[in-house]
Structures are given as C-alpha cells and as structure tokens.
C-alpha cells in the first residue's frame, strides 16, 4: 500500500499531458497509433500521459479529421496550453501522417520548456 501511495505521489510530481479523443466517426488518420507514439515519446522523456482528462499541464486534442471534434466539443480549459491535431494538421500546419506524433511531441516540449 505504501509503495502505491509513493508511486501516486511521484506521478503527481511529473508534468501531465492529456490526450483527448474525438468520437472517431470519420478518421483520416490512425488516432490510436498516433496516441501510442505520443505516449511512448513523452513518457520516455519523463512526462505522465493520461487520456481524456482536463487536469493536465498540456492537452493534446486528437481528432481523426478536420472537423476537430476533440477540441470543438470539449469544455473551456482556460489558460492550459493545447496542441490540436485534426486530420493531418497540427495547430493549423499540414504535417505528413508519419510525422504527426513527432511534430506534436515537439510542440508539447516547447510549451513545457517555457515553464
């Protein structure tokens, strides 16, 4: 029990990145693959990655198409920095499908390095 509490306390000390998904009705990209790549990249750098939560230092909205439903139908997050992936765009920049995760991870790291 003590180890579990220690692990929970340690994870709260890490910067938290949340990946929020759209409903997936018209995917032009493989959201699961991209989320997995983001998670591997960011956890490998010591960040905590959670899914579909608002309690985070950065939120990545991951929509399968340009309708951007992950962001459009989410609550107001105030001043929390966010990265918007919608189809093959990251923050309105067209990115090759195979580079989406790396490009978005770099954006996250840029936000977090400004802290």
N, C-alpha and C. Protein backbone atom coordinates (compact mmCIF):
# COMPACT_ATOMS: atom_id res chain seq x y z
N UNK A 1 0.83 -1.20 0.00
CA UNK A 1 0.00 0.00 0.00
C UNK A 1 0.87 1.26 0.00
N UNK A 2 1.93 1.27 0.83
CA UNK A 2 2.81 2.43 0.89
C UNK A 2 3.47 2.68 -0.46
N UNK A 3 3.91 1.59 -1.14
CA UNK A 3 4.53 1.74 -2.45
C UNK A 3 3.55 2.37 -3.44
N UNK A 4 2.29 1.97 -3.41
CA UNK A 4 1.29 2.53 -4.31
C UNK A 4 1.10 4.02 -4.05
N UNK A 5 1.04 4.41 -2.78
CA UNK A 5 0.91 5.83 -2.46
C UNK A 5 2.14 6.61 -2.89
N UNK A 6 3.32 6.02 -2.71
CA UNK A 6 4.55 6.67 -3.16
C UNK A 6 4.55 6.84 -4.67
N UNK A 7 4.09 5.81 -5.40
CA UNK A 7 4.01 5.89 -6.86
C UNK A 7 3.03 6.98 -7.29
N UNK A 8 1.89 7.09 -6.62
CA UNK A 8 0.90 8.12 -6.96
C UNK A 8 1.47 9.51 -6.69
N UNK A 9 2.16 9.69 -5.58
CA UNK A 9 2.75 10.99 -5.26
C UNK A 9 3.81 11.35 -6.28
N UNK A 10 4.62 10.37 -6.68
CA UNK A 10 5.66 10.63 -7.66
C UNK A 10 5.06 11.01 -9.00
N UNK A 11 3.98 10.35 -9.42
CA UNK A 11 3.37 10.66 -10.72
C UNK A 11 2.77 12.06 -10.71
N UNK A 12 2.30 12.56 -9.57
CA UNK A 12 1.76 13.92 -9.50
C UNK A 12 2.87 14.95 -9.60
N UNK A 13 4.11 14.57 -9.30
CA UNK A 13 5.23 15.49 -9.42
C UNK A 13 5.65 15.69 -10.87
N UNK A 14 5.30 14.76 -11.73
CA UNK A 14 5.64 14.85 -13.15
C UNK A 14 4.67 15.80 -13.85
N UNK A 15 5.14 16.41 -14.91
CA UNK A 15 4.24 17.18 -15.77
C UNK A 15 3.28 16.21 -16.43
N UNK A 16 2.02 16.59 -16.49
CA UNK A 16 0.97 15.72 -17.01
C UNK A 16 0.49 16.24 -18.35
N UNK A 17 0.43 15.33 -19.32
CA UNK A 17 -0.07 15.63 -20.65
C UNK A 17 -1.29 14.75 -20.89
N UNK A 18 -2.39 15.37 -21.27
CA UNK A 18 -3.62 14.63 -21.55
C UNK A 18 -3.86 14.58 -23.05
N UNK A 19 -4.21 13.40 -23.54
CA UNK A 19 -4.61 13.24 -24.93
C UNK A 19 -6.12 13.01 -24.94
N UNK A 20 -6.84 13.93 -25.58
CA UNK A 20 -8.32 13.84 -25.66
C UNK A 20 -8.71 13.48 -27.08
N UNK A 21 -9.61 12.52 -27.19
CA UNK A 21 -10.00 11.98 -28.49
C UNK A 21 -11.36 12.49 -28.94
N UNK A 22 -11.55 12.51 -30.25
CA UNK A 22 -12.87 12.70 -30.84
C UNK A 22 -13.58 11.35 -30.82
N UNK A 23 -14.78 11.30 -31.37
CA UNK A 23 -15.54 10.06 -31.40
C UNK A 23 -15.11 9.08 -32.48
N UNK A 24 -14.32 9.51 -33.43
CA UNK A 24 -13.78 8.62 -34.45
C UNK A 24 -14.72 8.27 -35.58
N UNK A 25 -15.68 9.14 -35.90
CA UNK A 25 -16.68 8.79 -36.92
C UNK A 25 -16.13 8.89 -38.34
N UNK A 26 -15.10 9.70 -38.58
CA UNK A 26 -14.59 9.90 -39.94
C UNK A 26 -13.06 9.99 -39.93
N UNK A 27 -12.38 8.96 -39.42
CA UNK A 27 -10.93 9.08 -39.25
C UNK A 27 -10.16 9.08 -40.57
N UNK A 28 -9.32 10.06 -40.73
CA UNK A 28 -8.41 10.15 -41.87
C UNK A 28 -6.99 9.77 -41.44
N UNK A 29 -6.80 9.64 -40.14
CA UNK A 29 -5.52 9.23 -39.56
C UNK A 29 -5.81 8.16 -38.52
N UNK A 30 -4.80 7.40 -38.14
CA UNK A 30 -4.97 6.36 -37.13
C UNK A 30 -4.69 6.97 -35.76
N UNK A 31 -5.74 7.39 -35.09
CA UNK A 31 -5.60 8.08 -33.80
C UNK A 31 -4.93 7.21 -32.75
N UNK A 32 -5.22 5.92 -32.76
CA UNK A 32 -4.63 5.01 -31.78
C UNK A 32 -3.12 4.91 -31.93
N UNK A 33 -2.66 4.81 -33.17
CA UNK A 33 -1.22 4.74 -33.43
C UNK A 33 -0.54 6.04 -33.01
N UNK A 34 -1.13 7.16 -33.39
CA UNK A 34 -0.55 8.46 -33.04
C UNK A 34 -0.52 8.65 -31.53
N UNK A 35 -1.59 8.31 -30.84
CA UNK A 35 -1.62 8.41 -29.38
C UNK A 35 -0.55 7.52 -28.75
N UNK A 36 -0.39 6.32 -29.27
CA UNK A 36 0.64 5.42 -28.76
C UNK A 36 2.05 5.96 -28.97
N UNK A 37 2.29 6.56 -30.13
CA UNK A 37 3.59 7.16 -30.41
C UNK A 37 3.85 8.35 -29.50
N UNK A 38 2.82 9.18 -29.31
CA UNK A 38 2.96 10.32 -28.40
C UNK A 38 3.25 9.85 -26.98
N UNK A 39 2.48 8.86 -26.53
CA UNK A 39 2.67 8.35 -25.18
C UNK A 39 4.09 7.81 -24.99
N UNK A 40 4.56 7.01 -25.93
CA UNK A 40 5.91 6.45 -25.82
C UNK A 40 6.97 7.55 -25.81
N UNK A 41 6.83 8.52 -26.69
CA UNK A 41 7.80 9.61 -26.77
C UNK A 41 7.83 10.45 -25.51
N UNK A 42 6.65 10.80 -25.02
CA UNK A 42 6.58 11.71 -23.87
C UNK A 42 6.88 11.02 -22.55
N UNK A 43 6.42 9.79 -22.37
CA UNK A 43 6.76 9.07 -21.13
C UNK A 43 8.24 8.75 -21.11
N UNK A 44 8.83 8.52 -22.28
CA UNK A 44 10.26 8.29 -22.37
C UNK A 44 11.09 9.49 -21.96
N UNK A 45 10.47 10.65 -21.98
CA UNK A 45 11.14 11.89 -21.55
C UNK A 45 10.76 12.26 -20.11
N UNK A 46 10.02 11.37 -19.44
CA UNK A 46 9.71 11.58 -18.04
C UNK A 46 8.38 12.25 -17.74
N UNK A 47 7.54 12.42 -18.74
CA UNK A 47 6.23 13.03 -18.53
C UNK A 47 5.18 11.96 -18.28
N UNK A 48 4.13 12.33 -17.58
CA UNK A 48 2.99 11.44 -17.38
C UNK A 48 1.98 11.72 -18.49
N UNK A 49 1.50 10.68 -19.15
CA UNK A 49 0.50 10.83 -20.20
C UNK A 49 -0.79 10.16 -19.73
N UNK A 50 -1.87 10.93 -19.77
CA UNK A 50 -3.20 10.43 -19.38
C UNK A 50 -4.14 10.65 -20.57
N UNK A 51 -5.31 10.04 -20.48
CA UNK A 51 -6.24 10.13 -21.60
C UNK A 51 -7.57 10.72 -21.15
N UNK A 52 -8.08 11.62 -21.99
CA UNK A 52 -9.41 12.22 -21.83
C UNK A 52 -9.63 12.87 -20.47
N UNK A 53 -8.63 13.56 -19.97
CA UNK A 53 -8.74 14.30 -18.72
C UNK A 53 -8.41 15.77 -18.99
N UNK A 54 -8.95 16.62 -18.14
CA UNK A 54 -8.66 18.06 -18.26
C UNK A 54 -7.59 18.52 -17.28
N UNK A 55 -7.34 17.75 -16.23
CA UNK A 55 -6.34 18.09 -15.22
C UNK A 55 -4.96 17.76 -15.77
N UNK A 56 -4.38 18.70 -16.52
CA UNK A 56 -3.11 18.45 -17.18
C UNK A 56 -2.37 19.76 -17.39
N UNK A 57 -1.06 19.65 -17.62
CA UNK A 57 -0.25 20.83 -17.91
C UNK A 57 -0.33 21.22 -19.38
N UNK A 58 -0.58 20.23 -20.24
CA UNK A 58 -0.80 20.45 -21.67
C UNK A 58 -1.87 19.44 -22.11
N UNK A 59 -2.76 19.87 -22.99
CA UNK A 59 -3.77 18.97 -23.54
C UNK A 59 -3.56 18.85 -25.04
N UNK A 60 -3.55 17.61 -25.51
CA UNK A 60 -3.48 17.33 -26.94
C UNK A 60 -4.88 16.89 -27.38
N UNK A 61 -5.49 17.64 -28.27
CA UNK A 61 -6.78 17.26 -28.83
C UNK A 61 -6.50 16.48 -30.11
N UNK A 62 -6.92 15.22 -30.14
CA UNK A 62 -6.60 14.33 -31.25
C UNK A 62 -7.88 13.95 -31.99
N UNK A 63 -8.11 14.64 -33.11
CA UNK A 63 -9.29 14.39 -33.95
C UNK A 63 -8.86 13.70 -35.23
N UNK A 64 -9.65 12.74 -35.66
CA UNK A 64 -9.31 11.97 -36.84
C UNK A 64 -9.49 12.71 -38.16
N UNK A 65 -10.23 13.81 -38.14
CA UNK A 65 -10.44 14.59 -39.38
C UNK A 65 -10.43 16.08 -39.05
N UNK A 66 -10.61 16.88 -40.07
CA UNK A 66 -10.52 18.33 -39.89
C UNK A 66 -11.74 18.94 -39.21
N UNK A 67 -12.76 18.16 -38.93
CA UNK A 67 -13.91 18.70 -38.18
C UNK A 67 -13.49 19.09 -36.76
N UNK A 68 -12.43 18.50 -36.25
CA UNK A 68 -11.82 18.88 -34.97
C UNK A 68 -12.75 18.69 -33.77
N UNK A 69 -13.48 17.59 -33.75
CA UNK A 69 -14.47 17.35 -32.68
C UNK A 69 -13.85 17.18 -31.30
N UNK A 70 -12.63 16.66 -31.22
CA UNK A 70 -12.00 16.51 -29.90
C UNK A 70 -11.89 17.86 -29.20
N UNK A 71 -11.56 18.88 -29.96
CA UNK A 71 -11.44 20.23 -29.41
C UNK A 71 -12.81 20.92 -29.37
N UNK A 72 -13.56 20.83 -30.42
CA UNK A 72 -14.83 21.54 -30.56
C UNK A 72 -15.82 21.21 -29.45
N UNK A 73 -15.89 19.96 -29.06
CA UNK A 73 -16.88 19.53 -28.07
C UNK A 73 -16.29 19.34 -26.68
N UNK A 74 -15.19 20.00 -26.39
CA UNK A 74 -14.57 19.92 -25.07
C UNK A 74 -14.89 21.17 -24.27
N UNK A 75 -14.74 21.05 -22.97
CA UNK A 75 -15.01 22.20 -22.10
C UNK A 75 -13.89 23.23 -22.22
N UNK A 76 -14.18 24.44 -21.82
CA UNK A 76 -13.20 25.52 -21.81
C UNK A 76 -12.10 25.15 -20.82
N UNK A 77 -10.85 25.22 -21.25
CA UNK A 77 -9.74 24.82 -20.39
C UNK A 77 -8.97 26.02 -19.84
N UNK A 78 -9.48 27.21 -20.03
CA UNK A 78 -8.80 28.39 -19.51
C UNK A 78 -7.46 28.61 -20.20
N UNK A 79 -6.41 28.73 -19.41
CA UNK A 79 -5.09 29.04 -19.95
C UNK A 79 -4.21 27.81 -20.17
N UNK A 80 -4.77 26.63 -20.08
CA UNK A 80 -3.98 25.42 -20.28
C UNK A 80 -3.52 25.36 -21.74
N UNK A 81 -2.22 25.24 -21.98
CA UNK A 81 -1.75 25.14 -23.35
C UNK A 81 -2.31 23.89 -24.03
N UNK A 82 -2.57 23.99 -25.32
CA UNK A 82 -3.09 22.83 -26.03
C UNK A 82 -2.45 22.71 -27.40
N UNK A 83 -2.42 21.48 -27.86
CA UNK A 83 -1.98 21.13 -29.21
C UNK A 83 -3.21 20.54 -29.89
N UNK A 84 -3.48 20.97 -31.10
CA UNK A 84 -4.66 20.48 -31.81
C UNK A 84 -4.21 19.69 -33.03
N UNK A 85 -4.49 18.40 -33.01
CA UNK A 85 -4.26 17.54 -34.16
C UNK A 85 -5.63 17.24 -34.75
N UNK A 86 -5.83 17.63 -35.99
CA UNK A 86 -7.09 17.33 -36.67
C UNK A 86 -6.78 16.90 -38.10
N UNK A 87 -6.96 15.60 -38.33
CA UNK A 87 -6.53 15.05 -39.61
C UNK A 87 -5.01 15.14 -39.67
N UNK A 88 -4.49 15.60 -40.78
CA UNK A 88 -3.04 15.71 -40.88
C UNK A 88 -2.55 17.14 -40.63
N UNK A 89 -3.20 17.81 -39.71
CA UNK A 89 -2.80 19.16 -39.29
C UNK A 89 -2.44 19.16 -37.82
N UNK A 90 -1.42 19.93 -37.48
CA UNK A 90 -1.07 20.16 -36.08
C UNK A 90 -1.02 21.68 -35.91
N UNK A 91 -1.93 22.19 -35.08
CA UNK A 91 -2.03 23.64 -34.87
C UNK A 91 -2.06 24.40 -36.21
N UNK A 92 -2.88 23.91 -37.12
CA UNK A 92 -3.11 24.52 -38.44
C UNK A 92 -1.95 24.39 -39.41
N UNK A 93 -0.96 23.59 -39.10
CA UNK A 93 0.15 23.33 -40.02
C UNK A 93 -0.03 21.93 -40.58
N UNK A 94 0.01 21.80 -41.90
CA UNK A 94 -0.11 20.49 -42.54
C UNK A 94 1.18 19.71 -42.28
N UNK A 95 0.99 18.46 -41.80
CA UNK A 95 2.12 17.60 -41.45
C UNK A 95 1.88 16.23 -42.07
N UNK A 96 2.93 15.58 -42.56
CA UNK A 96 2.79 14.23 -43.10
C UNK A 96 2.29 13.31 -41.99
N UNK A 97 1.43 12.37 -42.36
CA UNK A 97 0.86 11.45 -41.38
C UNK A 97 1.93 10.78 -40.53
N UNK A 98 3.01 10.35 -41.15
CA UNK A 98 4.06 9.63 -40.43
C UNK A 98 4.86 10.53 -39.48
N UNK A 99 4.66 11.85 -39.56
CA UNK A 99 5.40 12.78 -38.71
C UNK A 99 4.52 13.48 -37.69
N UNK A 100 3.22 13.15 -37.66
CA UNK A 100 2.28 13.85 -36.77
C UNK A 100 2.69 13.75 -35.30
N UNK A 101 2.98 12.56 -34.83
CA UNK A 101 3.30 12.36 -33.41
C UNK A 101 4.57 13.10 -33.03
N UNK A 102 5.61 12.98 -33.83
CA UNK A 102 6.88 13.66 -33.51
C UNK A 102 6.71 15.17 -33.52
N UNK A 103 5.98 15.68 -34.50
CA UNK A 103 5.75 17.12 -34.60
C UNK A 103 4.97 17.62 -33.38
N UNK A 104 3.92 16.90 -33.01
CA UNK A 104 3.12 17.29 -31.85
C UNK A 104 3.93 17.18 -30.56
N UNK A 105 4.73 16.14 -30.43
CA UNK A 105 5.57 15.99 -29.23
C UNK A 105 6.53 17.16 -29.09
N UNK A 106 7.11 17.61 -30.21
CA UNK A 106 7.99 18.77 -30.17
C UNK A 106 7.24 20.02 -29.69
N UNK A 107 6.00 20.18 -30.14
CA UNK A 107 5.18 21.31 -29.69
C UNK A 107 4.95 21.25 -28.18
N UNK A 108 4.65 20.05 -27.67
CA UNK A 108 4.45 19.87 -26.22
C UNK A 108 5.73 20.26 -25.48
N UNK A 109 6.86 19.76 -25.94
CA UNK A 109 8.13 20.05 -25.28
C UNK A 109 8.44 21.55 -25.30
N UNK A 110 8.06 22.23 -26.38
CA UNK A 110 8.26 23.68 -26.45
C UNK A 110 7.42 24.39 -25.37
N UNK A 111 6.16 23.97 -25.21
CA UNK A 111 5.32 24.57 -24.17
C UNK A 111 5.91 24.34 -22.79
N UNK A 112 6.34 23.10 -22.53
CA UNK A 112 6.81 22.76 -21.19
C UNK A 112 8.16 23.35 -20.88
N UNK A 113 8.97 23.62 -21.90
CA UNK A 113 10.29 24.22 -21.65
C UNK A 113 10.17 25.71 -21.32
N UNK A 114 9.02 26.31 -21.66
CA UNK A 114 8.79 27.72 -21.34
C UNK A 114 8.44 27.94 -19.88
N UNK A 115 8.12 26.84 -19.15
CA UNK A 115 7.75 26.96 -17.72
C UNK A 115 8.90 27.38 -16.87
